[in-house]
Amino acid sequence: MRRAPARWRPGRGWAALAAAEHEARSGGRVVLFPGRDVLTGTLSAGELRDGSAIERVLLLASPGPPADDVPVVTNDHVRPVWRDGLMTLLTMPAAGGRITPAEVPNPTPCCADHA
């Protein structure tokens, strides 16, 4: 059986590590941020950035950010992360040339189909 890397084992001060990454803006999810209340429905990527503290929108598995006019279907759930010092919304493709946040509001629980 494989062992987890030493940095993932208990007793390594996970809370302190998470707090340090968040303070350095190098990692961690952002729940409360300026403009989050207006990120509902469908907005363009440019409107999303202009109307909130989100500084960058990235499309998973894409070499660059989406164009400013690409529609973002928020599902009324926008949860950016800190990445490279920027508040970043990770998105994934959606139907009709649109994109949607990669973190969904109601994920299917693990084992939901056979528990």
PDB file of N, CA and C in Angstrom:
ATOM      1  N   MET A   1       0.845  -1.172   0.000  1.00  0.00           N
ATOM      2  CA  MET A   1       0.000   0.000   0.000  1.00  0.00           C
ATOM      3  C   MET A   1       0.896   1.243   0.000  1.00  0.00           C
ATOM      4  N   ARG A   2       0.519   2.227  -0.814  1.00  0.00           N
ATOM      5  CA  ARG A   2       1.286   3.469  -0.901  1.00  0.00           C
ATOM      6  C   ARG A   2       1.003   4.345   0.304  1.00  0.00           C
ATOM      7  N   ARG A   3       2.022   5.039   0.746  1.00  0.00           N
ATOM      8  CA  ARG A   3       1.873   6.000   1.847  1.00  0.00           C
ATOM      9  C   ARG A   3       1.743   7.401   1.276  1.00  0.00           C
ATOM     10  N   ALA A   4       0.987   8.208   1.969  1.00  0.00           N
ATOM     11  CA  ALA A   4       0.848   9.605   1.564  1.00  0.00           C
ATOM     12  C   ALA A   4       2.180  10.317   1.763  1.00  0.00           C
ATOM     13  N   PRO A   5       2.476  11.310   0.920  1.00  0.00           N
ATOM     14  CA  PRO A   5       3.695  12.092   1.129  1.00  0.00           C
ATOM     15  C   PRO A   5       3.717  12.675   2.536  1.00  0.00           C
ATOM     16  N   ALA A   6       4.904  12.871   3.069  1.00  0.00           N
ATOM     17  CA  ALA A   6       5.060  13.360   4.446  1.00  0.00           C
ATOM     18  C   ALA A   6       4.286  14.647   4.685  1.00  0.00           C
ATOM     19  N   ARG A   7       4.232  15.526   3.696  1.00  0.00           N
ATOM     20  CA  ARG A   7       3.542  16.805   3.892  1.00  0.00           C
ATOM     21  C   ARG A   7       2.032  16.632   4.027  1.00  0.00           C
ATOM     22  N   TRP A   8       1.489  15.447   3.701  1.00  0.00           N
ATOM     23  CA  TRP A   8       0.052  15.201   3.810  1.00  0.00           C
ATOM     24  C   TRP A   8      -0.313  14.410   5.061  1.00  0.00           C
ATOM     25  N   ARG A   9       0.652  14.021   5.841  1.00  0.00           N
ATOM     26  CA  ARG A   9       0.376  13.189   7.009  1.00  0.00           C
ATOM     27  C   ARG A   9      -0.085  14.033   8.186  1.00  0.00           C
ATOM     28  N   PRO A  10      -0.834  13.405   9.122  1.00  0.00           N
ATOM     29  CA  PRO A  10      -1.317  14.143  10.292  1.00  0.00           C
ATOM     30  C   PRO A  10      -0.180  14.785  11.080  1.00  0.00           C
ATOM     31  N   GLY A  11      -0.525  15.845  11.775  1.00  0.00           N
ATOM     32  CA  GLY A  11       0.439  16.511  12.641  1.00  0.00           C
ATOM     33  C   GLY A  11       1.337  17.496  11.930  1.00  0.00           C
ATOM     34  N   ARG A  12       0.994  17.885  10.737  1.00  0.00           N
ATOM     35  CA  ARG A  12       1.844  18.806   9.969  1.00  0.00           C
ATOM     36  C   ARG A  12       1.344  20.244  10.024  1.00  0.00           C
ATOM     37  N   GLY A  13       0.372  20.529  10.886  1.00  0.00           N
ATOM     38  CA  GLY A  13      -0.098  21.907  11.010  1.00  0.00           C
ATOM     39  C   GLY A  13      -0.904  22.374   9.817  1.00  0.00           C
ATOM     40  N   TRP A  14      -1.889  21.572   9.415  1.00  0.00           N
ATOM     41  CA  TRP A  14      -2.671  21.889   8.221  1.00  0.00           C
ATOM     42  C   TRP A  14      -3.370  23.231   8.313  1.00  0.00           C
ATOM     43  N   ALA A  15      -3.931  23.541   9.463  1.00  0.00           N
ATOM     44  CA  ALA A  15      -4.634  24.820   9.603  1.00  0.00           C
ATOM     45  C   ALA A  15      -3.671  25.987   9.415  1.00  0.00           C
ATOM     46  N   ALA A  16      -2.482  25.865   9.979  1.00  0.00           N
ATOM     47  CA  ALA A  16      -1.480  26.928   9.834  1.00  0.00           C
ATOM     48  C   ALA A  16      -1.044  27.056   8.379  1.00  0.00           C
ATOM     49  N   LEU A  17      -0.867  25.919   7.708  1.00  0.00           N
ATOM     50  CA  LEU A  17      -0.483  25.937   6.295  1.00  0.00           C
ATOM     51  C   LEU A  17      -1.579  26.597   5.458  1.00  0.00           C
ATOM     52  N   ALA A  18      -2.835  26.205   5.696  1.00  0.00           N
ATOM     53  CA  ALA A  18      -3.949  26.789   4.948  1.00  0.00           C
ATOM     54  C   ALA A  18      -4.041  28.291   5.192  1.00  0.00           C
ATOM     55  N   ALA A  19      -3.882  28.702   6.444  1.00  0.00           N
ATOM     56  CA  ALA A  19      -3.940  30.129   6.771  1.00  0.00           C
ATOM     57  C   ALA A  19      -2.811  30.894   6.088  1.00  0.00           C
ATOM     58  N   ALA A  20      -1.620  30.314   6.068  1.00  0.00           N
ATOM     59  CA  ALA A  20      -0.474  30.972   5.426  1.00  0.00           C
ATOM     60  C   ALA A  20      -0.691  31.102   3.923  1.00  0.00           C
ATOM     61  N   GLU A  21      -1.208  30.045   3.282  1.00  0.00           N
ATOM     62  CA  GLU A  21      -1.474  30.107   1.842  1.00  0.00           C
ATOM     63  C   GLU A  21      -2.541  31.154   1.538  1.00  0.00           C
ATOM     64  N   HIS A  22      -3.558  31.218   2.373  1.00  0.00           N
ATOM     65  CA  HIS A  22      -4.627  32.188   2.146  1.00  0.00           C
ATOM     66  C   HIS A  22      -4.100  33.608   2.316  1.00  0.00           C
ATOM     67  N   GLU A  23      -3.309  33.826   3.364  1.00  0.00           N
ATOM     68  CA  GLU A  23      -2.743  35.159   3.594  1.00  0.00           C
ATOM     69  C   GLU A  23      -1.816  35.576   2.458  1.00  0.00           C
ATOM     70  N   ALA A  24      -1.056  34.622   1.925  1.00  0.00           N
ATOM     71  CA  ALA A  24      -0.145  34.912   0.815  1.00  0.00           C
ATOM     72  C   ALA A  24      -0.871  34.957  -0.527  1.00  0.00           C
ATOM     73  N   ARG A  25      -2.155  34.621  -0.510  1.00  0.00           N
ATOM     74  CA  ARG A  25      -2.963  34.564  -1.725  1.00  0.00           C
ATOM     75  C   ARG A  25      -2.387  33.589  -2.747  1.00  0.00           C
ATOM     76  N   SER A  26      -1.890  32.482  -2.234  1.00  0.00           N
ATOM     77  CA  SER A  26      -1.343  31.461  -3.126  1.00  0.00           C
ATOM     78  C   SER A  26      -2.209  30.211  -3.157  1.00  0.00           C
ATOM     79  N   GLY A  27      -3.211  30.131  -2.297  1.00  0.00           N
ATOM     80  CA  GLY A  27      -4.085  28.966  -2.281  1.00  0.00           C
ATOM     81  C   GLY A  27      -5.274  29.195  -1.385  1.00  0.00           C
ATOM     82  N   GLY A  28      -6.311  28.401  -1.595  1.00  0.00           N
ATOM     83  CA  GLY A  28      -7.505  28.474  -0.768  1.00  0.00           C
ATOM     84  C   GLY A  28      -8.695  29.049  -1.505  1.00  0.00           C
ATOM     85  N   ARG A  29      -9.874  28.634  -1.068  1.00  0.00           N
ATOM     86  CA  ARG A  29     -11.122  29.103  -1.655  1.00  0.00           C
ATOM     87  C   ARG A  29     -11.541  30.411  -1.000  1.00  0.00           C
ATOM     88  N   VAL A  30     -12.258  31.224  -1.770  1.00  0.00           N
ATOM     89  CA  VAL A  30     -12.745  32.508  -1.276  1.00  0.00           C
ATOM     90  C   VAL A  30     -14.273  32.443  -1.247  1.00  0.00           C
ATOM     91  N   VAL A  31     -14.847  32.626  -0.074  1.00  0.00           N
ATOM     92  CA  VAL A  31     -16.294  32.518   0.081  1.00  0.00           C
ATOM     93  C   VAL A  31     -16.952  33.897   0.110  1.00  0.00           C
ATOM     94  N   LEU A  32     -16.393  34.802   0.881  1.00  0.00           N
ATOM     95  CA  LEU A  32     -16.928  36.161   0.981  1.00  0.00           C
ATOM     96  C   LEU A  32     -15.980  37.125   0.282  1.00  0.00           C
ATOM     97  N   PHE A  33     -16.510  37.887  -0.672  1.00  0.00           N
ATOM     98  CA  PHE A  33     -15.679  38.843  -1.403  1.00  0.00           C
ATOM     99  C   PHE A  33     -16.575  39.926  -1.982  1.00  0.00           C
ATOM    100  N   PRO A  34     -16.034  41.120  -2.211  1.00  0.00           N
ATOM    101  CA  PRO A  34     -16.824  42.218  -2.762  1.00  0.00           C
ATOM    102  C   PRO A  34     -17.427  41.853  -4.117  1.00  0.00           C
ATOM    103  N   GLY A  35     -18.720  42.108  -4.260  1.00  0.00           N
ATOM    104  CA  GLY A  35     -19.417  41.868  -5.516  1.00  0.00           C
ATOM    105  C   GLY A  35     -20.052  40.501  -5.644  1.00  0.00           C
ATOM    106  N   ARG A  36     -19.864  39.629  -4.671  1.00  0.00           N
ATOM    107  CA  ARG A  36     -20.382  38.262  -4.823  1.00  0.00           C
ATOM    108  C   ARG A  36     -21.900  38.227  -4.938  1.00  0.00           C
ATOM    109  N   ASP A  37     -22.584  39.178  -4.307  1.00  0.00           N
ATOM    110  CA  ASP A  37     -24.048  39.179  -4.319  1.00  0.00           C
ATOM    111  C   ASP A  37     -24.651  39.481  -5.688  1.00  0.00           C
ATOM    112  N   VAL A  38     -23.898  40.102  -6.581  1.00  0.00           N
ATOM    113  CA  VAL A  38     -24.433  40.430  -7.903  1.00  0.00           C
ATOM    114  C   VAL A  38     -24.062  39.395  -8.959  1.00  0.00           C
ATOM    115  N   LEU A  39     -23.327  38.375  -8.578  1.00  0.00           N
ATOM    116  CA  LEU A  39     -22.902  37.352  -9.536  1.00  0.00           C
ATOM    117  C   LEU A  39     -23.958  36.256  -9.632  1.00  0.00           C
ATOM    118  N   THR A  40     -25.095  36.619 -10.205  1.00  0.00           N
ATOM    119  CA  THR A  40     -26.206  35.687 -10.358  1.00  0.00           C
ATOM    120  C   THR A  40     -26.592  35.598 -11.824  1.00  0.00           C
ATOM    121  N   GLY A  41     -27.254  34.520 -12.172  1.00  0.00           N
ATOM    122  CA  GLY A  41     -27.700  34.358 -13.546  1.00  0.00           C
ATOM    123  C   GLY A  41     -26.533  34.159 -14.494  1.00  0.00           C
ATOM    124  N   THR A  42     -26.646  34.753 -15.672  1.00  0.00           N
ATOM    125  CA  THR A  42     -25.604  34.639 -16.693  1.00  0.00           C
ATOM    126  C   THR A  42     -25.015  36.018 -16.955  1.00  0.00           C
ATOM    127  N   LEU A  43     -23.704  36.103 -16.852  1.00  0.00           N
ATOM    128  CA  LEU A  43     -22.960  37.338 -17.105  1.00  0.00           C
ATOM    129  C   LEU A  43     -21.832  37.015 -18.071  1.00  0.00           C
ATOM    130  N   SER A  44     -21.289  38.018 -18.708  1.00  0.00           N
ATOM    131  CA  SER A  44     -20.094  37.775 -19.513  1.00  0.00           C
ATOM    132  C   SER A  44     -18.889  37.679 -18.576  1.00  0.00           C
ATOM    133  N   ALA A  45     -17.824  37.070 -19.061  1.00  0.00           N
ATOM    134  CA  ALA A  45     -16.607  36.969 -18.244  1.00  0.00           C
ATOM    135  C   ALA A  45     -16.114  38.362 -17.860  1.00  0.00           C
ATOM    136  N   GLY A  46     -16.214  39.313 -18.769  1.00  0.00           N
ATOM    137  CA  GLY A  46     -15.802  40.685 -18.478  1.00  0.00           C
ATOM    138  C   GLY A  46     -16.671  41.338 -17.415  1.00  0.00           C
ATOM    139  N   GLU A  47     -17.995  41.139 -17.498  1.00  0.00           N
ATOM    140  CA  GLU A  47     -18.904  41.695 -16.487  1.00  0.00           C
ATOM    141  C   GLU A  47     -18.627  41.090 -15.118  1.00  0.00           C
ATOM    142  N   LEU A  48     -18.321  39.809 -15.101  1.00  0.00           N
ATOM    143  CA  LEU A  48     -18.031  39.122 -13.844  1.00  0.00           C
ATOM    144  C   LEU A  48     -16.810  39.743 -13.167  1.00  0.00           C
ATOM    145  N   ARG A  49     -15.758  39.980 -13.951  1.00  0.00           N
ATOM    146  CA  ARG A  49     -14.545  40.601 -13.389  1.00  0.00           C
ATOM    147  C   ARG A  49     -14.784  42.053 -13.009  1.00  0.00           C
ATOM    148  N   ASP A  50     -15.468  42.798 -13.871  1.00  0.00           N
ATOM    149  CA  ASP A  50     -15.690  44.225 -13.612  1.00  0.00           C
ATOM    150  C   ASP A  50     -16.610  44.474 -12.422  1.00  0.00           C
ATOM    151  N   GLY A  51     -17.530  43.551 -12.139  1.00  0.00           N
ATOM    152  CA  GLY A  51     -18.514  43.763 -11.092  1.00  0.00           C
ATOM    153  C   GLY A  51     -18.178  43.140  -9.756  1.00  0.00           C
ATOM    154  N   SER A  52     -16.983  42.561  -9.643  1.00  0.00           N
ATOM    155  CA  SER A  52     -16.626  41.899  -8.385  1.00  0.00           C
ATOM    156  C   SER A  52     -15.119  41.996  -8.151  1.00  0.00           C
ATOM    157  N   ALA A  53     -14.679  41.400  -7.066  1.00  0.00           N
ATOM    158  CA  ALA A  53     -13.249  41.390  -6.738  1.00  0.00           C
ATOM    159  C   ALA A  53     -12.484  40.314  -7.505  1.00  0.00           C
ATOM    160  N   ILE A  54     -13.185  39.506  -8.305  1.00  0.00           N
ATOM    161  CA  ILE A  54     -12.508  38.473  -9.096  1.00  0.00           C
ATOM    162  C   ILE A  54     -11.631  39.160 -10.132  1.00  0.00           C
ATOM    163  N   GLU A  55     -10.359  38.775 -10.141  1.00  0.00           N
ATOM    164  CA  GLU A  55      -9.392  39.423 -11.028  1.00  0.00           C
ATOM    165  C   GLU A  55      -9.121  38.637 -12.300  1.00  0.00           C
ATOM    166  N   ARG A  56      -9.421  37.340 -12.272  1.00  0.00           N
ATOM    167  CA  ARG A  56      -9.077  36.502 -13.424  1.00  0.00           C
ATOM    168  C   ARG A  56     -10.087  35.370 -13.527  1.00  0.00           C
ATOM    169  N   VAL A  57     -10.445  35.026 -14.760  1.00  0.00           N
ATOM    170  CA  VAL A  57     -11.288  33.867 -15.043  1.00  0.00           C
ATOM    171  C   VAL A  57     -10.445  32.920 -15.879  1.00  0.00           C
ATOM    172  N   LEU A  58     -10.358  31.669 -15.446  1.00  0.00           N
ATOM    173  CA  LEU A  58      -9.622  30.657 -16.196  1.00  0.00           C
ATOM    174  C   LEU A  58     -10.573  29.547 -16.611  1.00  0.00           C
ATOM    175  N   LEU A  59     -10.341  28.996 -17.781  1.00  0.00           N
ATOM    176  CA  LEU A  59     -11.113  27.877 -18.299  1.00  0.00           C
ATOM    177  C   LEU A  59     -10.254  26.631 -18.191  1.00  0.00           C
ATOM    178  N   LEU A  60     -10.720  25.645 -17.419  1.00  0.00           N
ATOM    179  CA  LEU A  60      -9.942  24.421 -17.213  1.00  0.00           C
ATOM    180  C   LEU A  60      -9.557  23.789 -18.550  1.00  0.00           C
ATOM    181  N   ALA A  61      -8.340  23.285 -18.618  1.00  0.00           N
ATOM    182  CA  ALA A  61      -7.783  22.608 -19.798  1.00  0.00           C
ATOM    183  C   ALA A  61      -7.694  23.525 -21.012  1.00  0.00           C
ATOM    184  N   SER A  62      -7.624  24.822 -20.794  1.00  0.00           N
ATOM    185  CA  SER A  62      -7.506  25.789 -21.878  1.00  0.00           C
ATOM    186  C   SER A  62      -6.190  26.543 -21.716  1.00  0.00           C
ATOM    187  N   PRO A  63      -5.517  26.859 -22.824  1.00  0.00           N
ATOM    188  CA  PRO A  63      -4.226  27.541 -22.717  1.00  0.00           C
ATOM    189  C   PRO A  63      -4.312  28.993 -22.266  1.00  0.00           C
ATOM    190  N   GLY A  64      -5.491  29.580 -22.357  1.00  0.00           N
ATOM    191  CA  GLY A  64      -5.618  30.981 -21.969  1.00  0.00           C
ATOM    192  C   GLY A  64      -6.983  31.268 -21.385  1.00  0.00           C
ATOM    193  N   PRO A  65      -7.181  32.488 -20.908  1.00  0.00           N
ATOM    194  CA  PRO A  65      -8.477  32.848 -20.328  1.00  0.00           C
ATOM    195  C   PRO A  65      -9.545  32.971 -21.415  1.00  0.00           C
ATOM    196  N   PRO A  66     -10.820  32.849 -21.040  1.00  0.00           N
ATOM    197  CA  PRO A  66     -11.886  33.040 -22.023  1.00  0.00           C
ATOM    198  C   PRO A  66     -11.977  34.507 -22.422  1.00  0.00           C
ATOM    199  N   ALA A  67     -12.533  34.752 -23.593  1.00  0.00           N
ATOM    200  CA  ALA A  67     -12.747  36.130 -24.049  1.00  0.00           C
ATOM    201  C   ALA A  67     -13.736  36.834 -23.119  1.00  0.00           C
ATOM    202  N   ASP A  68     -13.641  38.146 -23.057  1.00  0.00           N
ATOM    203  CA  ASP A  68     -14.505  38.933 -22.173  1.00  0.00           C
ATOM    204  C   ASP A  68     -15.993  38.746 -22.459  1.00  0.00           C
ATOM    205  N   ASP A  69     -16.356  38.414 -23.716  1.00  0.00           N
ATOM    206  CA  ASP A  69     -17.775  38.308 -24.065  1.00  0.00           C
ATOM    207  C   ASP A  69     -18.350  36.902 -23.899  1.00  0.00           C
ATOM    208  N   VAL A  70     -17.560  35.948 -23.428  1.00  0.00           N
ATOM    209  CA  VAL A  70     -18.061  34.582 -23.234  1.00  0.00           C
ATOM    210  C   VAL A  70     -19.044  34.574 -22.065  1.00  0.00           C
ATOM    211  N   PRO A  71     -20.264  34.030 -22.278  1.00  0.00           N
ATOM    212  CA  PRO A  71     -21.244  33.978 -21.190  1.00  0.00           C
ATOM    213  C   PRO A  71     -20.831  32.994 -20.090  1.00  0.00           C
ATOM    214  N   VAL A  72     -20.976  33.428 -18.844  1.00  0.00           N
ATOM    215  CA  VAL A  72     -20.692  32.586 -17.676  1.00  0.00           C
ATOM    216  C   VAL A  72     -22.024  32.323 -16.977  1.00  0.00           C
ATOM    217  N   VAL A  73     -22.441  31.065 -16.963  1.00  0.00           N
ATOM    218  CA  VAL A  73     -23.667  30.666 -16.267  1.00  0.00           C
ATOM    219  C   VAL A  73     -23.275  30.408 -14.817  1.00  0.00           C
ATOM    220  N   THR A  74     -23.637  31.312 -13.919  1.00  0.00           N
ATOM    221  CA  THR A  74     -23.142  31.233 -12.538  1.00  0.00           C
ATOM    222  C   THR A  74     -23.849  30.197 -11.681  1.00  0.00           C
ATOM    223  N   ASN A  75     -25.060  29.800 -12.056  1.00  0.00           N
ATOM    224  CA  ASN A  75     -25.868  28.922 -11.194  1.00  0.00           C
ATOM    225  C   ASN A  75     -26.010  29.533  -9.798  1.00  0.00           C
ATOM    226  N   ASP A  76     -25.859  30.845  -9.718  1.00  0.00           N
ATOM    227  CA  ASP A  76     -25.932  31.588  -8.447  1.00  0.00           C
ATOM    228  C   ASP A  76     -24.964  31.043  -7.400  1.00  0.00           C
ATOM    229  N   HIS A  77     -23.831  30.523  -7.865  1.00  0.00           N
ATOM    230  CA  HIS A  77     -22.814  29.951  -6.964  1.00  0.00           C
ATOM    231  C   HIS A  77     -21.438  30.207  -7.579  1.00  0.00           C
ATOM    232  N   VAL A  78     -20.761  31.217  -7.081  1.00  0.00           N
ATOM    233  CA  VAL A  78     -19.438  31.576  -7.593  1.00  0.00           C
ATOM    234  C   VAL A  78     -18.459  31.500  -6.430  1.00  0.00           C
ATOM    235  N   ARG A  79     -17.500  30.596  -6.528  1.00  0.00           N
ATOM    236  CA  ARG A  79     -16.550  30.372  -5.435  1.00  0.00           C
ATOM    237  C   ARG A  79     -15.131  30.424  -6.016  1.00  0.00           C
ATOM    238  N   PRO A  80     -14.532  31.611  -6.079  1.00  0.00           N
ATOM    239  CA  PRO A  80     -13.168  31.718  -6.613  1.00  0.00           C
ATOM    240  C   PRO A  80     -12.129  31.139  -5.656  1.00  0.00           C
ATOM    241  N   VAL A  81     -10.912  31.056  -6.147  1.00  0.00           N
ATOM    242  CA  VAL A  81      -9.778  30.580  -5.355  1.00  0.00           C
ATOM    243  C   VAL A  81      -8.648  31.593  -5.488  1.00  0.00           C
ATOM    244  N   TRP A  82      -7.711  31.531  -4.548  1.00  0.00           N
ATOM    245  CA  TRP A  82      -6.486  32.323  -4.685  1.00  0.00           C
ATOM    246  C   TRP A  82      -5.508  31.505  -5.499  1.00  0.00           C
ATOM    247  N   ARG A  83      -4.982  32.110  -6.560  1.00  0.00           N
ATOM    248  CA  ARG A  83      -3.991  31.437  -7.385  1.00  0.00           C
ATOM    249  C   ARG A  83      -3.041  32.491  -7.934  1.00  0.00           C
ATOM    250  N   ASP A  84      -1.756  32.297  -7.689  1.00  0.00           N
ATOM    251  CA  ASP A  84      -0.725  33.233  -8.174  1.00  0.00           C
ATOM    252  C   ASP A  84      -0.969  34.659  -7.688  1.00  0.00           C
ATOM    253  N   GLY A  85      -1.535  34.801  -6.496  1.00  0.00           N
ATOM    254  CA  GLY A  85      -1.781  36.122  -5.941  1.00  0.00           C
ATOM    255  C   GLY A  85      -3.021  36.814  -6.462  1.00  0.00           C
ATOM    256  N   LEU A  86      -3.785  36.147  -7.319  1.00  0.00           N
ATOM    257  CA  LEU A  86      -4.990  36.737  -7.901  1.00  0.00           C
ATOM    258  C   LEU A  86      -6.228  35.953  -7.496  1.00  0.00           C
ATOM    259  N   MET A  87      -7.323  36.661  -7.233  1.00  0.00           N
ATOM    260  CA  MET A  87      -8.586  35.982  -7.004  1.00  0.00           C
ATOM    261  C   MET A  87      -9.061  35.472  -8.364  1.00  0.00           C
ATOM    262  N   THR A  88      -9.159  34.156  -8.479  1.00  0.00           N
ATOM    263  CA  THR A  88      -9.358  33.503  -9.768  1.00  0.00           C
ATOM    264  C   THR A  88     -10.594  32.618  -9.745  1.00  0.00           C
ATOM    265  N   LEU A  89     -11.454  32.767 -10.746  1.00  0.00           N
ATOM    266  CA  LEU A  89     -12.593  31.871 -10.887  1.00  0.00           C
ATOM    267  C   LEU A  89     -12.232  30.796 -11.900  1.00  0.00           C
ATOM    268  N   LEU A  90     -12.240  29.549 -11.452  1.00  0.00           N
ATOM    269  CA  LEU A  90     -11.997  28.418 -12.338  1.00  0.00           C
ATOM    270  C   LEU A  90     -13.324  28.012 -12.961  1.00  0.00           C
ATOM    271  N   THR A  91     -13.341  27.882 -14.279  1.00  0.00           N
ATOM    272  CA  THR A  91     -14.571  27.539 -14.982  1.00  0.00           C
ATOM    273  C   THR A  91     -14.355  26.315 -15.859  1.00  0.00           C
ATOM    274  N   MET A  92     -15.473  25.767 -16.345  1.00  0.00           N
ATOM    275  CA  MET A  92     -15.433  24.632 -17.260  1.00  0.00           C
ATOM    276  C   MET A  92     -16.455  24.884 -18.363  1.00  0.00           C
ATOM    277  N   PRO A  93     -16.291  24.211 -19.501  1.00  0.00           N
ATOM    278  CA  PRO A  93     -17.234  24.421 -20.599  1.00  0.00           C
ATOM    279  C   PRO A  93     -18.659  24.028 -20.209  1.00  0.00           C
ATOM    280  N   ALA A  94     -19.621  24.740 -20.768  1.00  0.00           N
ATOM    281  CA  ALA A  94     -21.045  24.435 -20.603  1.00  0.00           C
ATOM    282  C   ALA A  94     -21.671  24.414 -22.000  1.00  0.00           C
ATOM    283  N   ALA A  95     -22.908  24.024 -22.096  1.00  0.00           N
ATOM    284  CA  ALA A  95     -23.590  23.923 -23.387  1.00  0.00           C
ATOM    285  C   ALA A  95     -23.677  25.284 -24.077  1.00  0.00           C
ATOM    286  N   GLY A  96     -23.686  25.248 -25.393  1.00  0.00           N
ATOM    287  CA  GLY A  96     -23.925  26.454 -26.171  1.00  0.00           C
ATOM    288  C   GLY A  96     -22.815  27.477 -26.169  1.00  0.00           C
ATOM    289  N   GLY A  97     -21.561  27.038 -26.008  1.00  0.00           N
ATOM    290  CA  GLY A  97     -20.442  27.968 -26.026  1.00  0.00           C
ATOM    291  C   GLY A  97     -20.309  28.799 -24.764  1.00  0.00           C
ATOM    292  N   ARG A  98     -21.022  28.418 -23.732  1.00  0.00           N
ATOM    293  CA  ARG A  98     -20.945  29.134 -22.465  1.00  0.00           C
ATOM    294  C   ARG A  98     -19.973  28.411 -21.537  1.00  0.00           C
ATOM    295  N   ILE A  99     -19.665  29.038 -20.409  1.00  0.00           N
ATOM    296  CA  ILE A  99     -18.847  28.399 -19.377  1.00  0.00           C
ATOM    297  C   ILE A  99     -19.577  28.534 -18.049  1.00  0.00           C
ATOM    298  N   THR A 100     -19.159  27.740 -17.072  1.00  0.00           N
ATOM    299  CA  THR A 100     -19.786  27.755 -15.755  1.00  0.00           C
ATOM    300  C   THR A 100     -18.716  27.525 -14.701  1.00  0.00           C
ATOM    301  N   PRO A 101     -18.888  28.032 -13.491  1.00  0.00           N
ATOM    302  CA  PRO A 101     -17.883  27.779 -12.457  1.00  0.00           C
ATOM    303  C   PRO A 101     -17.625  26.280 -12.289  1.00  0.00           C
ATOM    304  N   ALA A 102     -16.371  25.931 -12.081  1.00  0.00           N
ATOM    305  CA  ALA A 102     -16.004  24.522 -11.932  1.00  0.00           C
ATOM    306  C   ALA A 102     -16.559  23.936 -10.643  1.00  0.00           C
ATOM    307  N   GLU A 103     -16.729  24.766  -9.614  1.00  0.00           N
ATOM    308  CA  GLU A 103     -17.331  24.276  -8.372  1.00  0.00           C
ATOM    309  C   GLU A 103     -18.837  24.441  -8.483  1.00  0.00           C
ATOM    310  N   VAL A 104     -19.548  23.329  -8.441  1.00  0.00           N
ATOM    311  CA  VAL A 104     -21.001  23.358  -8.576  1.00  0.00           C
ATOM    312  C   VAL A 104     -21.660  23.532  -7.207  1.00  0.00           C
ATOM    313  N   PRO A 105     -22.877  24.110  -7.168  1.00  0.00           N
ATOM    314  CA  PRO A 105     -23.509  24.381  -5.878  1.00  0.00           C
ATOM    315  C   PRO A 105     -23.926  23.134  -5.102  1.00  0.00           C
ATOM    316  N   ASN A 106     -24.331  22.089  -5.790  1.00  0.00           N
ATOM    317  CA  ASN A 106     -24.815  20.874  -5.129  1.00  0.00           C
ATOM    318  C   ASN A 106     -24.149  19.649  -5.743  1.00  0.00           C
ATOM    319  N   PRO A 107     -22.899  19.381  -5.390  1.00  0.00           N
ATOM    320  CA  PRO A 107     -22.220  18.237  -5.997  1.00  0.00           C
ATOM    321  C   PRO A 107     -22.859  16.917  -5.566  1.00  0.00           C
ATOM    322  N   THR A 108     -22.771  15.931  -6.439  1.00  0.00           N
ATOM    323  CA  THR A 108     -23.268  14.599  -6.108  1.00  0.00           C
ATOM    324  C   THR A 108     -22.348  13.996  -5.059  1.00  0.00           C
ATOM    325  N   PRO A 109     -22.899  13.559  -3.943  1.00  0.00           N
ATOM    326  CA  PRO A 109     -22.047  12.957  -2.909  1.00  0.00           C
ATOM    327  C   PRO A 109     -21.367  11.691  -3.424  1.00  0.00           C
ATOM    328  N   CYS A 110     -20.196  11.445  -2.930  1.00  0.00           N
ATOM    329  CA  CYS A 110     -19.491  10.220  -3.284  1.00  0.00           C
ATOM    330  C   CYS A 110     -20.370   9.035  -2.889  1.00  0.00           C
ATOM    331  N   CYS A 111     -20.414   8.043  -3.721  1.00  0.00           N
ATOM    332  CA  CYS A 111     -21.157   6.801  -3.461  1.00  0.00           C
ATOM    333  C   CYS A 111     -22.667   7.000  -3.506  1.00  0.00           C
ATOM    334  N   ALA A 112     -23.167   8.107  -4.041  1.00  0.00           N
ATOM    335  CA  ALA A 112     -24.602   8.373  -4.052  1.00  0.00           C
ATOM    336  C   ALA A 112     -25.375   7.316  -4.832  1.00  0.00           C
ATOM    337  N   ASP A 113     -24.725   6.726  -5.841  1.00  0.00           N
ATOM    338  CA  ASP A 113     -25.440   5.756  -6.668  1.00  0.00           C
ATOM    339  C   ASP A 113     -25.408   4.334  -6.115  1.00  0.00           C
ATOM    340  N   HIS A 114     -24.645   4.089  -5.068  1.00  0.00           N
ATOM    341  CA  HIS A 114     -24.577   2.718  -4.549  1.00  0.00           C
ATOM    342  C   HIS A 114     -24.484   2.633  -3.036  1.00  0.00           C
ATOM    343  N   ALA A 115     -24.790   3.695  -2.351  1.00  0.00           N
ATOM    344  CA  ALA A 115     -24.710   3.666  -0.877  1.00  0.00           C
ATOM    345  C   ALA A 115     -25.963   3.069  -0.271  1.00  0.00           C
TER     346      ALA A 115
END
